Amino acid sequence: MEPNKYEMGVIVRADLEEEVFRAEMERVKGLIERFDGNIEKVDDWGRRKLAYPIMKLTEGMYTFITYTSEGNTPKEVESRLRLMENVLRFLTIRLGDDVEISAPAKKVVEAAPVEDASLADPVEAE
């Protein structure tokens, strides 16, 4: 059976020192490898403004990790991420090989013809 491909987004506190941030990300990567995940790509987006405050913080350090693994790895990794104090949010999605993203079909509505007001009988004023 071929392993699944996943992408995990992790938001870590932005007020951490650089070496503490790097250590946290090494812990996250170590968790993936510990549960038989094979990391393909790590994309560090750096400091970004959060969409809404989390624990009174308005910024976070965003990192996206693409990896392949068996089906139970994301569940195991996420259960450990919940215990990490410096991780604000995380999300794992399964990437499909043949997934085609398309726009939703537009609904075409035909309007009823409007009667020309100039052809109607004029209303007499009293």
PDB file of N, CA and C in Angstrom:
ATOM      1  N   MET A   1       0.844  -1.180   0.000  1.00  0.00           N
ATOM      2  CA  MET A   1       0.000   0.000   0.000  1.00  0.00           C
ATOM      3  C   MET A   1       0.891   1.245   0.000  1.00  0.00           C
ATOM      4  N   GLU A   2       0.558   2.187  -0.846  1.00  0.00           N
ATOM      5  CA  GLU A   2       1.350   3.410  -0.977  1.00  0.00           C
ATOM      6  C   GLU A   2       0.997   4.382   0.148  1.00  0.00           C
ATOM      7  N   PRO A   3       1.998   5.037   0.736  1.00  0.00           N
ATOM      8  CA  PRO A   3       1.704   5.984   1.832  1.00  0.00           C
ATOM      9  C   PRO A   3       0.960   7.212   1.318  1.00  0.00           C
ATOM     10  N   ASN A   4       0.224   7.832   2.226  1.00  0.00           N
ATOM     11  CA  ASN A   4      -0.523   9.049   1.918  1.00  0.00           C
ATOM     12  C   ASN A   4       0.380  10.267   2.023  1.00  0.00           C
ATOM     13  N   LYS A   5       0.000  11.331   1.331  1.00  0.00           N
ATOM     14  CA  LYS A   5       0.753  12.579   1.386  1.00  0.00           C
ATOM     15  C   LYS A   5      -0.060  13.594   2.186  1.00  0.00           C
ATOM     16  N   TYR A   6       0.599  14.270   3.128  1.00  0.00           N
ATOM     17  CA  TYR A   6      -0.063  15.223   4.013  1.00  0.00           C
ATOM     18  C   TYR A   6       0.675  16.554   4.013  1.00  0.00           C
ATOM     19  N   GLU A   7      -0.079  17.600   4.329  1.00  0.00           N
ATOM     20  CA  GLU A   7       0.530  18.903   4.595  1.00  0.00           C
ATOM     21  C   GLU A   7       0.007  19.373   5.945  1.00  0.00           C
ATOM     22  N   MET A   8       0.935  19.766   6.807  1.00  0.00           N
ATOM     23  CA  MET A   8       0.563  20.220   8.137  1.00  0.00           C
ATOM     24  C   MET A   8       1.023  21.660   8.318  1.00  0.00           C
ATOM     25  N   GLY A   9       0.091  22.514   8.701  1.00  0.00           N
ATOM     26  CA  GLY A   9       0.409  23.895   9.032  1.00  0.00           C
ATOM     27  C   GLY A   9       0.493  24.040  10.537  1.00  0.00           C
ATOM     28  N   VAL A  10       1.548  24.674  11.013  1.00  0.00           N
ATOM     29  CA  VAL A  10       1.758  24.858  12.454  1.00  0.00           C
ATOM     30  C   VAL A  10       1.997  26.334  12.714  1.00  0.00           C
ATOM     31  N   ILE A  11       1.284  26.881  13.694  1.00  0.00           N
ATOM     32  CA  ILE A  11       1.500  28.268  14.116  1.00  0.00           C
ATOM     33  C   ILE A  11       2.061  28.232  15.530  1.00  0.00           C
ATOM     34  N   VAL A  12       3.249  28.802  15.683  1.00  0.00           N
ATOM     35  CA  VAL A  12       3.948  28.830  16.967  1.00  0.00           C
ATOM     36  C   VAL A  12       3.989  30.276  17.457  1.00  0.00           C
ATOM     37  N   ARG A  13       4.082  30.456  18.755  1.00  0.00           N
ATOM     38  CA  ARG A  13       4.144  31.799  19.347  1.00  0.00           C
ATOM     39  C   ARG A  13       5.246  32.626  18.681  1.00  0.00           C
ATOM     40  N   ALA A  14       4.935  33.868  18.353  1.00  0.00           N
ATOM     41  CA  ALA A  14       5.907  34.740  17.685  1.00  0.00           C
ATOM     42  C   ALA A  14       6.871  35.389  18.672  1.00  0.00           C
ATOM     43  N   ASP A  15       6.561  35.363  19.964  1.00  0.00           N
ATOM     44  CA  ASP A  15       7.421  36.014  20.947  1.00  0.00           C
ATOM     45  C   ASP A  15       8.554  35.109  21.442  1.00  0.00           C
ATOM     46  N   LEU A  16       8.744  33.953  20.811  1.00  0.00           N
ATOM     47  CA  LEU A  16       9.839  33.055  21.196  1.00  0.00           C
ATOM     48  C   LEU A  16      11.157  33.531  20.602  1.00  0.00           C
ATOM     49  N   GLU A  17      12.244  33.220  21.294  1.00  0.00           N
ATOM     50  CA  GLU A  17      13.567  33.490  20.736  1.00  0.00           C
ATOM     51  C   GLU A  17      13.802  32.537  19.568  1.00  0.00           C
ATOM     52  N   GLU A  18      14.693  32.924  18.674  1.00  0.00           N
ATOM     53  CA  GLU A  18      14.944  32.147  17.457  1.00  0.00           C
ATOM     54  C   GLU A  18      15.343  30.708  17.758  1.00  0.00           C
ATOM     55  N   GLU A  19      16.224  30.507  18.724  1.00  0.00           N
ATOM     56  CA  GLU A  19      16.676  29.139  19.013  1.00  0.00           C
ATOM     57  C   GLU A  19      15.569  28.299  19.644  1.00  0.00           C
ATOM     58  N   VAL A  20      14.682  28.918  20.431  1.00  0.00           N
ATOM     59  CA  VAL A  20      13.557  28.186  21.013  1.00  0.00           C
ATOM     60  C   VAL A  20      12.566  27.804  19.907  1.00  0.00           C
ATOM     61  N   PHE A  21      12.337  28.724  18.972  1.00  0.00           N
ATOM     62  CA  PHE A  21      11.462  28.435  17.838  1.00  0.00           C
ATOM     63  C   PHE A  21      12.014  27.264  17.024  1.00  0.00           C
ATOM     64  N   ARG A  22      13.306  27.292  16.727  1.00  0.00           N
ATOM     65  CA  ARG A  22      13.934  26.210  15.952  1.00  0.00           C
ATOM     66  C   ARG A  22      13.825  24.877  16.702  1.00  0.00           C
ATOM     67  N   ALA A  23      14.002  24.912  18.025  1.00  0.00           N
ATOM     68  CA  ALA A  23      13.895  23.691  18.829  1.00  0.00           C
ATOM     69  C   ALA A  23      12.467  23.133  18.781  1.00  0.00           C
ATOM     70  N   GLU A  24      11.469  24.022  18.824  1.00  0.00           N
ATOM     71  CA  GLU A  24      10.076  23.576  18.739  1.00  0.00           C
ATOM     72  C   GLU A  24       9.793  22.928  17.389  1.00  0.00           C
ATOM     73  N   MET A  25      10.294  23.523  16.317  1.00  0.00           N
ATOM     74  CA  MET A  25      10.061  22.961  14.991  1.00  0.00           C
ATOM     75  C   MET A  25      10.801  21.631  14.821  1.00  0.00           C
ATOM     76  N   GLU A  26      11.967  21.482  15.436  1.00  0.00           N
ATOM     77  CA  GLU A  26      12.679  20.207  15.409  1.00  0.00           C
ATOM     78  C   GLU A  26      11.879  19.136  16.153  1.00  0.00           C
ATOM     79  N   ARG A  27      11.214  19.532  17.241  1.00  0.00           N
ATOM     80  CA  ARG A  27      10.361  18.596  17.978  1.00  0.00           C
ATOM     81  C   ARG A  27       9.204  18.132  17.108  1.00  0.00           C
ATOM     82  N   VAL A  28       8.597  19.075  16.363  1.00  0.00           N
ATOM     83  CA  VAL A  28       7.474  18.727  15.489  1.00  0.00           C
ATOM     84  C   VAL A  28       7.944  17.773  14.395  1.00  0.00           C
ATOM     85  N   LYS A  29       9.075  18.088  13.759  1.00  0.00           N
ATOM     86  CA  LYS A  29       9.607  17.211  12.709  1.00  0.00           C
ATOM     87  C   LYS A  29       9.994  15.850  13.292  1.00  0.00           C
ATOM     88  N   GLY A  30      10.526  15.852  14.505  1.00  0.00           N
ATOM     89  CA  GLY A  30      10.875  14.596  15.171  1.00  0.00           C
ATOM     90  C   GLY A  30       9.654  13.728  15.432  1.00  0.00           C
ATOM     91  N   LEU A  31       8.529  14.359  15.771  1.00  0.00           N
ATOM     92  CA  LEU A  31       7.296  13.602  15.982  1.00  0.00           C
ATOM     93  C   LEU A  31       6.840  12.920  14.697  1.00  0.00           C
ATOM     94  N   ILE A  32       6.922  13.657  13.592  1.00  0.00           N
ATOM     95  CA  ILE A  32       6.517  13.075  12.303  1.00  0.00           C
ATOM     96  C   ILE A  32       7.396  11.881  11.966  1.00  0.00           C
ATOM     97  N   GLU A  33       8.695  12.031  12.145  1.00  0.00           N
ATOM     98  CA  GLU A  33       9.622  10.935  11.834  1.00  0.00           C
ATOM     99  C   GLU A  33       9.473   9.774  12.816  1.00  0.00           C
ATOM    100  N   ARG A  34       9.147  10.071  14.051  1.00  0.00           N
ATOM    101  CA  ARG A  34       8.978   9.037  15.064  1.00  0.00           C
ATOM    102  C   ARG A  34       7.829   8.096  14.719  1.00  0.00           C
ATOM    103  N   PHE A  35       6.785   8.647  14.087  1.00  0.00           N
ATOM    104  CA  PHE A  35       5.635   7.827  13.706  1.00  0.00           C
ATOM    105  C   PHE A  35       5.684   7.458  12.229  1.00  0.00           C
ATOM    106  N   ASP A  36       6.893   7.214  11.742  1.00  0.00           N
ATOM    107  CA  ASP A  36       7.156   6.698  10.398  1.00  0.00           C
ATOM    108  C   ASP A  36       6.749   7.645   9.271  1.00  0.00           C
ATOM    109  N   GLY A  37       6.819   8.937   9.514  1.00  0.00           N
ATOM    110  CA  GLY A  37       6.575   9.909   8.460  1.00  0.00           C
ATOM    111  C   GLY A  37       7.876  10.271   7.765  1.00  0.00           C
ATOM    112  N   ASN A  38       7.794  10.551   6.474  1.00  0.00           N
ATOM    113  CA  ASN A  38       8.959  10.940   5.692  1.00  0.00           C
ATOM    114  C   ASN A  38       8.767  12.391   5.244  1.00  0.00           C
ATOM    115  N   ILE A  39       9.510  13.312   5.826  1.00  0.00           N
ATOM    116  CA  ILE A  39       9.350  14.736   5.533  1.00  0.00           C
ATOM    117  C   ILE A  39       9.917  15.037   4.147  1.00  0.00           C
ATOM    118  N   GLU A  40       9.088  15.661   3.300  1.00  0.00           N
ATOM    119  CA  GLU A  40       9.499  16.018   1.943  1.00  0.00           C
ATOM    120  C   GLU A  40       9.899  17.479   1.828  1.00  0.00           C
ATOM    121  N   LYS A  41       9.187  18.351   2.529  1.00  0.00           N
ATOM    122  CA  LYS A  41       9.433  19.787   2.372  1.00  0.00           C
ATOM    123  C   LYS A  41       8.999  20.529   3.635  1.00  0.00           C
ATOM    124  N   VAL A  42       9.810  21.512   4.037  1.00  0.00           N
ATOM    125  CA  VAL A  42       9.466  22.394   5.150  1.00  0.00           C
ATOM    126  C   VAL A  42       9.480  23.809   4.607  1.00  0.00           C
ATOM    127  N   ASP A  43       8.340  24.478   4.701  1.00  0.00           N
ATOM    128  CA  ASP A  43       8.179  25.830   4.171  1.00  0.00           C
ATOM    129  C   ASP A  43       7.928  26.780   5.341  1.00  0.00           C
ATOM    130  N   ASP A  44       8.925  27.576   5.685  1.00  0.00           N
ATOM    131  CA  ASP A  44       8.840  28.506   6.811  1.00  0.00           C
ATOM    132  C   ASP A  44       8.376  29.868   6.306  1.00  0.00           C
ATOM    133  N   TRP A  45       7.168  30.274   6.684  1.00  0.00           N
ATOM    134  CA  TRP A  45       6.607  31.554   6.242  1.00  0.00           C
ATOM    135  C   TRP A  45       7.020  32.702   7.148  1.00  0.00           C
ATOM    136  N   GLY A  46       7.533  32.405   8.318  1.00  0.00           N
ATOM    137  CA  GLY A  46       7.969  33.452   9.234  1.00  0.00           C
ATOM    138  C   GLY A  46       6.815  34.063  10.023  1.00  0.00           C
ATOM    139  N   ARG A  47       7.044  35.263  10.515  1.00  0.00           N
ATOM    140  CA  ARG A  47       6.079  35.952  11.375  1.00  0.00           C
ATOM    141  C   ARG A  47       4.955  36.536  10.534  1.00  0.00           C
ATOM    142  N   ARG A  48       3.714  36.228  10.934  1.00  0.00           N
ATOM    143  CA  ARG A  48       2.517  36.724  10.241  1.00  0.00           C
ATOM    144  C   ARG A  48       1.487  37.159  11.273  1.00  0.00           C
ATOM    145  N   LYS A  49       0.642  38.074  10.843  1.00  0.00           N
ATOM    146  CA  LYS A  49      -0.461  38.526  11.694  1.00  0.00           C
ATOM    147  C   LYS A  49      -1.541  37.452  11.711  1.00  0.00           C
ATOM    148  N   LEU A  50      -2.059  37.157  12.893  1.00  0.00           N
ATOM    149  CA  LEU A  50      -3.124  36.173  13.031  1.00  0.00           C
ATOM    150  C   LEU A  50      -4.453  36.785  12.600  1.00  0.00           C
ATOM    151  N   ALA A  51      -5.360  35.974  12.132  1.00  0.00           N
ATOM    152  CA  ALA A  51      -6.679  36.442  11.711  1.00  0.00           C
ATOM    153  C   ALA A  51      -7.474  36.945  12.910  1.00  0.00           C
ATOM    154  N   TYR A  52      -7.229  36.385  14.074  1.00  0.00           N
ATOM    155  CA  TYR A  52      -7.889  36.791  15.314  1.00  0.00           C
ATOM    156  C   TYR A  52      -6.928  36.496  16.463  1.00  0.00           C
ATOM    157  N   PRO A  53      -7.043  37.234  17.563  1.00  0.00           N
ATOM    158  CA  PRO A  53      -6.122  37.005  18.689  1.00  0.00           C
ATOM    159  C   PRO A  53      -6.290  35.605  19.285  1.00  0.00           C
ATOM    160  N   ILE A  54      -5.175  34.987  19.599  1.00  0.00           N
ATOM    161  CA  ILE A  54      -5.154  33.687  20.269  1.00  0.00           C
ATOM    162  C   ILE A  54      -4.342  33.869  21.539  1.00  0.00           C
ATOM    163  N   MET A  55      -4.955  33.633  22.681  1.00  0.00           N
ATOM    164  CA  MET A  55      -4.302  33.824  23.974  1.00  0.00           C
ATOM    165  C   MET A  55      -3.691  35.232  24.065  1.00  0.00           C
ATOM    166  N   LYS A  56      -4.417  36.232  23.584  1.00  0.00           N
ATOM    167  CA  LYS A  56      -4.028  37.649  23.576  1.00  0.00           C
ATOM    168  C   LYS A  56      -2.825  37.944  22.679  1.00  0.00           C
ATOM    169  N   LEU A  57      -2.454  37.002  21.815  1.00  0.00           N
ATOM    170  CA  LEU A  57      -1.362  37.207  20.861  1.00  0.00           C
ATOM    171  C   LEU A  57      -1.951  37.553  19.501  1.00  0.00           C
ATOM    172  N   THR A  58      -1.301  38.464  18.776  1.00  0.00           N
ATOM    173  CA  THR A  58      -1.805  38.883  17.468  1.00  0.00           C
ATOM    174  C   THR A  58      -0.904  38.434  16.320  1.00  0.00           C
ATOM    175  N   GLU A  59       0.256  37.839  16.633  1.00  0.00           N
ATOM    176  CA  GLU A  59       1.178  37.351  15.613  1.00  0.00           C
ATOM    177  C   GLU A  59       1.625  35.932  15.934  1.00  0.00           C
ATOM    178  N   GLY A  60       1.987  35.209  14.888  1.00  0.00           N
ATOM    179  CA  GLY A  60       2.486  33.852  15.058  1.00  0.00           C
ATOM    180  C   GLY A  60       3.518  33.534  13.994  1.00  0.00           C
ATOM    181  N   MET A  61       4.312  32.503  14.245  1.00  0.00           N
ATOM    182  CA  MET A  61       5.303  32.027  13.284  1.00  0.00           C
ATOM    183  C   MET A  61       4.684  30.843  12.544  1.00  0.00           C
ATOM    184  N   TYR A  62       4.529  30.989  11.226  1.00  0.00           N
ATOM    185  CA  TYR A  62       3.860  29.984  10.404  1.00  0.00           C
ATOM    186  C   TYR A  62       4.889  29.066   9.742  1.00  0.00           C
ATOM    187  N   THR A  63       4.642  27.756   9.805  1.00  0.00           N
ATOM    188  CA  THR A  63       5.475  26.760   9.142  1.00  0.00           C
ATOM    189  C   THR A  63       4.560  25.695   8.553  1.00  0.00           C
ATOM    190  N   PHE A  64       4.860  25.296   7.305  1.00  0.00           N
ATOM    191  CA  PHE A  64       4.101  24.248   6.631  1.00  0.00           C
ATOM    192  C   PHE A  64       5.044  23.095   6.312  1.00  0.00           C
ATOM    193  N   ILE A  65       4.638  21.886   6.697  1.00  0.00           N
ATOM    194  CA  ILE A  65       5.462  20.689   6.509  1.00  0.00           C
ATOM    195  C   ILE A  65       4.696  19.707   5.626  1.00  0.00           C
ATOM    196  N   THR A  66       5.306  19.305   4.519  1.00  0.00           N
ATOM    197  CA  THR A  66       4.726  18.292   3.641  1.00  0.00           C
ATOM    198  C   THR A  66       5.440  16.982   3.922  1.00  0.00           C
ATOM    199  N   TYR A  67       4.660  15.911   4.144  1.00  0.00           N
ATOM    200  CA  TYR A  67       5.265  14.621   4.446  1.00  0.00           C
ATOM    201  C   TYR A  67       4.394  13.478   3.944  1.00  0.00           C
ATOM    202  N   THR A  68       4.992  12.304   3.840  1.00  0.00           N
ATOM    203  CA  THR A  68       4.259  11.095   3.489  1.00  0.00           C
ATOM    204  C   THR A  68       4.308  10.142   4.669  1.00  0.00           C
ATOM    205  N   SER A  69       3.216   9.404   4.847  1.00  0.00           N
ATOM    206  CA  SER A  69       3.157   8.449   5.954  1.00  0.00           C
ATOM    207  C   SER A  69       1.920   7.574   5.811  1.00  0.00           C
ATOM    208  N   GLU A  70       1.802   6.649   6.727  1.00  0.00           N
ATOM    209  CA  GLU A  70       0.619   5.806   6.802  1.00  0.00           C
ATOM    210  C   GLU A  70      -0.515   6.604   7.450  1.00  0.00           C
ATOM    211  N   GLY A  71      -1.693   6.065   7.454  1.00  0.00           N
ATOM    212  CA  GLY A  71      -2.882   6.784   7.881  1.00  0.00           C
ATOM    213  C   GLY A  71      -2.950   7.183   9.343  1.00  0.00           C
ATOM    214  N   ASN A  72      -2.246   6.508  10.242  1.00  0.00           N
ATOM    215  CA  ASN A  72      -2.362   6.829  11.667  1.00  0.00           C
ATOM    216  C   ASN A  72      -1.390   7.912  12.132  1.00  0.00           C
ATOM    217  N   THR A  73      -0.412   8.278  11.318  1.00  0.00           N
ATOM    218  CA  THR A  73       0.604   9.248  11.724  1.00  0.00           C
ATOM    219  C   THR A  73       0.025  10.618  12.066  1.00  0.00           C
ATOM    220  N   PRO A  74      -0.848  11.218  11.234  1.00  0.00           N
ATOM    221  CA  PRO A  74      -1.373  12.548  11.588  1.00  0.00           C
ATOM    222  C   PRO A  74      -2.087  12.577  12.940  1.00  0.00           C
ATOM    223  N   LYS A  75      -2.847  11.540  13.227  1.00  0.00           N
ATOM    224  CA  LYS A  75      -3.559  11.484  14.506  1.00  0.00           C
ATOM    225  C   LYS A  75      -2.589  11.452  15.680  1.00  0.00           C
ATOM    226  N   GLU A  76      -1.537  10.648  15.551  1.00  0.00           N
ATOM    227  CA  GLU A  76      -0.545  10.535  16.620  1.00  0.00           C
ATOM    228  C   GLU A  76       0.226  11.846  16.808  1.00  0.00           C
ATOM    229  N   VAL A  77       0.616  12.478  15.698  1.00  0.00           N
ATOM    230  CA  VAL A  77       1.372  13.741  15.771  1.00  0.00           C
ATOM    231  C   VAL A  77       0.496  14.833  16.389  1.00  0.00           C
ATOM    232  N   GLU A  78      -0.747  14.940  15.924  1.00  0.00           N
ATOM    233  CA  GLU A  78      -1.638  15.985  16.441  1.00  0.00           C
ATOM    234  C   GLU A  78      -1.932  15.811  17.922  1.00  0.00           C
ATOM    235  N   SER A  79      -2.026  14.567  18.389  1.00  0.00           N
ATOM    236  CA  SER A  79      -2.283  14.364  19.818  1.00  0.00           C
ATOM    237  C   SER A  79      -1.114  14.871  20.660  1.00  0.00           C
ATOM    238  N   ARG A  80       0.117  14.801  20.129  1.00  0.00           N
ATOM    239  CA  ARG A  80       1.289  15.327  20.836  1.00  0.00           C
ATOM    240  C   ARG A  80       1.390  16.844  20.708  1.00  0.00           C
ATOM    241  N   LEU A  81       0.977  17.386  19.549  1.00  0.00           N
ATOM    242  CA  LEU A  81       1.033  18.836  19.358  1.00  0.00           C
ATOM    243  C   LEU A  81       0.095  19.571  20.326  1.00  0.00           C
ATOM    244  N   ARG A  82      -1.012  18.935  20.670  1.00  0.00           N
ATOM    245  CA  ARG A  82      -1.955  19.555  21.613  1.00  0.00           C
ATOM    246  C   ARG A  82      -1.306  19.821  22.976  1.00  0.00           C
ATOM    247  N   LEU A  83      -0.269  19.052  23.307  1.00  0.00           N
ATOM    248  CA  LEU A  83       0.398  19.186  24.604  1.00  0.00           C
ATOM    249  C   LEU A  83       1.536  20.201  24.592  1.00  0.00           C
ATOM    250  N   MET A  84       1.924  20.666  23.418  1.00  0.00           N
ATOM    251  CA  MET A  84       3.038  21.616  23.313  1.00  0.00           C
ATOM    252  C   MET A  84       2.520  23.032  23.570  1.00  0.00           C
ATOM    253  N   GLU A  85       3.040  23.678  24.606  1.00  0.00           N
ATOM    254  CA  GLU A  85       2.550  24.987  25.032  1.00  0.00           C
ATOM    255  C   GLU A  85       2.789  26.095  24.017  1.00  0.00           C
ATOM    256  N   ASN A  86       3.872  26.027  23.257  1.00  0.00           N
ATOM    257  CA  ASN A  86       4.214  27.094  22.320  1.00  0.00           C
ATOM    258  C   ASN A  86       3.498  26.983  20.972  1.00  0.00           C
ATOM    259  N   VAL A  87       2.818  25.866  20.728  1.00  0.00           N
ATOM    260  CA  VAL A  87       2.058  25.695  19.493  1.00  0.00           C
ATOM    261  C   VAL A  87       0.668  26.289  19.705  1.00  0.00           C
ATOM    262  N   LEU A  88       0.345  27.325  18.913  1.00  0.00           N
ATOM    263  CA  LEU A  88      -0.955  27.977  19.044  1.00  0.00           C
ATOM    264  C   LEU A  88      -2.042  27.228  18.285  1.00  0.00           C
ATOM    265  N   ARG A  89      -1.781  26.871  17.032  1.00  0.00           N
ATOM    266  CA  ARG A  89      -2.737  26.165  16.187  1.00  0.00           C
ATOM    267  C   ARG A  89      -1.995  25.245  15.223  1.00  0.00           C
ATOM    268  N   PHE A  90      -2.699  24.227  14.744  1.00  0.00           N
ATOM    269  CA  PHE A  90      -2.149  23.332  13.733  1.00  0.00           C
ATOM    270  C   PHE A  90      -3.307  22.752  12.935  1.00  0.00           C
ATOM    271  N   LEU A  91      -2.996  22.339  11.721  1.00  0.00           N
ATOM    272  CA  LEU A  91      -3.995  21.730  10.857  1.00  0.00           C
ATOM    273  C   LEU A  91      -3.282  20.804   9.886  1.00  0.00           C
ATOM    274  N   THR A  92      -3.787  19.579   9.758  1.00  0.00           N
ATOM    275  CA  THR A  92      -3.223  18.620   8.820  1.00  0.00           C
ATOM    276  C   THR A  92      -4.278  18.293   7.778  1.00  0.00           C
ATOM    277  N   ILE A  93      -3.869  18.347   6.508  1.00  0.00           N
ATOM    278  CA  ILE A  93      -4.765  17.951   5.421  1.00  0.00           C
ATOM    279  C   ILE A  93      -4.086  16.863   4.597  1.00  0.00           C
ATOM    280  N   ARG A  94      -4.898  15.991   4.057  1.00  0.00           N
ATOM    281  CA  ARG A  94      -4.372  14.937   3.188  1.00  0.00           C
ATOM    282  C   ARG A  94      -4.388  15.460   1.762  1.00  0.00           C
ATOM    283  N   LEU A  95      -3.254  15.375   1.108  1.00  0.00           N
ATOM    284  CA  LEU A  95      -3.144  15.809  -0.274  1.00  0.00           C
ATOM    285  C   LEU A  95      -3.392  14.620  -1.186  1.00  0.00           C
ATOM    286  N   GLY A  96      -4.244  14.800  -2.173  1.00  0.00           N
ATOM    287  CA  GLY A  96      -4.523  13.731  -3.120  1.00  0.00           C
ATOM    288  C   GLY A  96      -3.658  13.876  -4.356  1.00  0.00           C
ATOM    289  N   ASP A  97      -3.352  12.767  -5.002  1.00  0.00           N
ATOM    290  CA  ASP A  97      -2.529  12.805  -6.213  1.00  0.00           C
ATOM    291  C   ASP A  97      -3.300  13.323  -7.412  1.00  0.00           C
ATOM    292  N   ASP A  98      -4.564  12.969  -7.489  1.00  0.00           N
ATOM    293  CA  ASP A  98      -5.338  13.312  -8.673  1.00  0.00           C
ATOM    294  C   ASP A  98      -6.520  14.225  -8.349  1.00  0.00           C
ATOM    295  N   VAL A  99      -6.405  15.014  -7.305  1.00  0.00           N
ATOM    296  CA  VAL A  99      -7.482  15.916  -6.933  1.00  0.00           C
ATOM    297  C   VAL A  99      -7.463  17.120  -7.861  1.00  0.00           C
ATOM    298  N   GLU A 100      -8.610  17.393  -8.450  1.00  0.00           N
ATOM    299  CA  GLU A 100      -8.712  18.539  -9.349  1.00  0.00           C
ATOM    300  C   GLU A 100      -9.619  19.568  -8.694  1.00  0.00           C
ATOM    301  N   ILE A 101      -9.092  20.751  -8.501  1.00  0.00           N
ATOM    302  CA  ILE A 101      -9.869  21.817  -7.877  1.00  0.00           C
ATOM    303  C   ILE A 101     -10.521  22.616  -8.986  1.00  0.00           C
ATOM    304  N   SER A 102     -11.835  22.738  -8.923  1.00  0.00           N
ATOM    305  CA  SER A 102     -12.542  23.496  -9.947  1.00  0.00           C
ATOM    306  C   SER A 102     -13.493  24.476  -9.286  1.00  0.00           C
ATOM    307  N   ALA A 103     -13.832  25.495 -10.028  1.00  0.00           N
ATOM    308  CA  ALA A 103     -14.760  26.501  -9.522  1.00  0.00           C
ATOM    309  C   ALA A 103     -16.164  25.911  -9.517  1.00  0.00           C
ATOM    310  N   PRO A 104     -16.986  26.318  -8.574  1.00  0.00           N
ATOM    311  CA  PRO A 104     -18.361  25.811  -8.563  1.00  0.00           C
ATOM    312  C   PRO A 104     -19.106  26.280  -9.808  1.00  0.00           C
ATOM    313  N   ALA A 105     -20.013  25.458 -10.253  1.00  0.00           N
ATOM    314  CA  ALA A 105     -20.777  25.801 -11.451  1.00  0.00           C
ATOM    315  C   ALA A 105     -21.654  27.019 -11.180  1.00  0.00           C
ATOM    316  N   LYS A 106     -21.708  27.905 -12.158  1.00  0.00           N
ATOM    317  CA  LYS A 106     -22.534  29.102 -12.016  1.00  0.00           C
ATOM    318  C   LYS A 106     -23.965  28.766 -12.390  1.00  0.00           C
ATOM    319  N   LYS A 107     -24.877  29.274 -11.612  1.00  0.00           N
ATOM    320  CA  LYS A 107     -26.286  29.049 -11.888  1.00  0.00           C
ATOM    321  C   LYS A 107     -26.773  30.178 -12.791  1.00  0.00           C
ATOM    322  N   VAL A 108     -27.333  29.811 -13.922  1.00  0.00           N
ATOM    323  CA  VAL A 108     -27.815  30.800 -14.869  1.00  0.00           C
ATOM    324  C   VAL A 108     -29.302  30.987 -14.643  1.00  0.00           C
ATOM    325  N   VAL A 109     -29.673  32.219 -14.404  1.00  0.00           N
ATOM    326  CA  VAL A 109     -31.071  32.548 -14.182  1.00  0.00           C
ATOM    327  C   VAL A 109     -31.491  33.527 -15.267  1.00  0.00           C
ATOM    328  N   GLU A 110     -32.562  33.172 -15.971  1.00  0.00           N
ATOM    329  CA  GLU A 110     -33.060  34.079 -16.999  1.00  0.00           C
ATOM    330  C   GLU A 110     -34.133  34.955 -16.390  1.00  0.00           C
ATOM    331  N   ALA A 111     -34.037  36.233 -16.661  1.00  0.00           N
ATOM    332  CA  ALA A 111     -35.008  37.184 -16.151  1.00  0.00           C
ATOM    333  C   ALA A 111     -36.211  37.230 -17.092  1.00  0.00           C
ATOM    334  N   ALA A 112     -37.376  37.459 -16.531  1.00  0.00           N
ATOM    335  CA  ALA A 112     -38.586  37.609 -17.346  1.00  0.00           C
ATOM    336  C   ALA A 112     -38.497  38.934 -18.091  1.00  0.00           C
ATOM    337  N   PRO A 113     -38.986  39.001 -19.313  1.00  0.00           N
ATOM    338  CA  PRO A 113     -38.916  40.258 -20.053  1.00  0.00           C
ATOM    339  C   PRO A 113     -39.720  41.358 -19.355  1.00  0.00           C
ATOM    340  N   VAL A 114     -39.160  42.551 -19.368  1.00  0.00           N
ATOM    341  CA  VAL A 114     -39.805  43.698 -18.750  1.00  0.00           C
ATOM    342  C   VAL A 114     -40.619  44.415 -19.816  1.00  0.00           C
ATOM    343  N   GLU A 115     -41.844  44.765 -19.465  1.00  0.00           N
ATOM    344  CA  GLU A 115     -42.707  45.463 -20.400  1.00  0.00           C
ATOM    345  C   GLU A 115     -42.199  46.875 -20.594  1.00  0.00           C
ATOM    346  N   ASP A 116     -42.191  47.341 -21.810  1.00  0.00           N
ATOM    347  CA  ASP A 116     -41.713  48.684 -22.117  1.00  0.00           C
ATOM    348  C   ASP A 116     -42.709  49.693 -21.569  1.00  0.00           C
ATOM    349  N   ALA A 117     -42.283  50.565 -20.671  1.00  0.00           N
ATOM    350  CA  ALA A 117     -43.162  51.536 -20.023  1.00  0.00           C
ATOM    351  C   ALA A 117     -43.704  52.560 -21.016  1.00  0.00           C
ATOM    352  N   SER A 118     -43.023  52.832 -22.111  1.00  0.00           N
ATOM    353  CA  SER A 118     -43.485  53.835 -23.059  1.00  0.00           C
ATOM    354  C   SER A 118     -44.699  53.359 -23.856  1.00  0.00           C
ATOM    355  N   LEU A 119     -44.959  52.050 -23.892  1.00  0.00           N
ATOM    356  CA  LEU A 119     -46.091  51.529 -24.643  1.00  0.00           C
ATOM    357  C   LEU A 119     -47.352  51.432 -23.802  1.00  0.00           C
ATOM    358  N   ALA A 120     -47.234  51.553 -22.517  1.00  0.00           N
ATOM    359  CA  ALA A 120     -48.398  51.418 -21.618  1.00  0.00           C
ATOM    360  C   ALA A 120     -49.286  52.654 -21.731  1.00  0.00           C
ATOM    361  N   ASP A 121     -50.559  52.488 -21.404  1.00  0.00           N
ATOM    362  CA  ASP A 121     -51.499  53.618 -21.409  1.00  0.00           C
ATOM    363  C   ASP A 121     -51.077  54.607 -20.337  1.00  0.00           C
ATOM    364  N   PRO A 122     -51.063  55.875 -20.701  1.00  0.00           N
ATOM    365  CA  PRO A 122     -50.720  56.877 -19.698  1.00  0.00           C
ATOM    366  C   PRO A 122     -51.811  56.991 -18.640  1.00  0.00           C
ATOM    367  N   VAL A 123     -51.379  57.171 -17.422  1.00  0.00           N
ATOM    368  CA  VAL A 123     -52.322  57.334 -16.314  1.00  0.00           C
ATOM    369  C   VAL A 123     -52.635  58.815 -16.204  1.00  0.00           C
ATOM    370  N   GLU A 124     -53.917  59.115 -16.176  1.00  0.00           N
ATOM    371  CA  GLU A 124     -54.322  60.521 -16.111  1.00  0.00           C
ATOM    372  C   GLU A 124     -54.318  60.964 -14.655  1.00  0.00           C
ATOM    373  N   ALA A 125     -53.787  62.127 -14.451  1.00  0.00           N
ATOM    374  CA  ALA A 125     -53.745  62.680 -13.107  1.00  0.00           C
ATOM    375  C   ALA A 125     -55.062  63.385 -12.828  1.00  0.00           C
ATOM    376  N   GLU A 126     -55.514  63.346 -11.624  1.00  0.00           N
ATOM    377  CA  GLU A 126     -56.770  64.010 -11.261  1.00  0.00           C
ATOM    378  C   GLU A 126     -56.527  65.413 -10.847  1.00  0.00           C
TER     379      GLU A 126
END
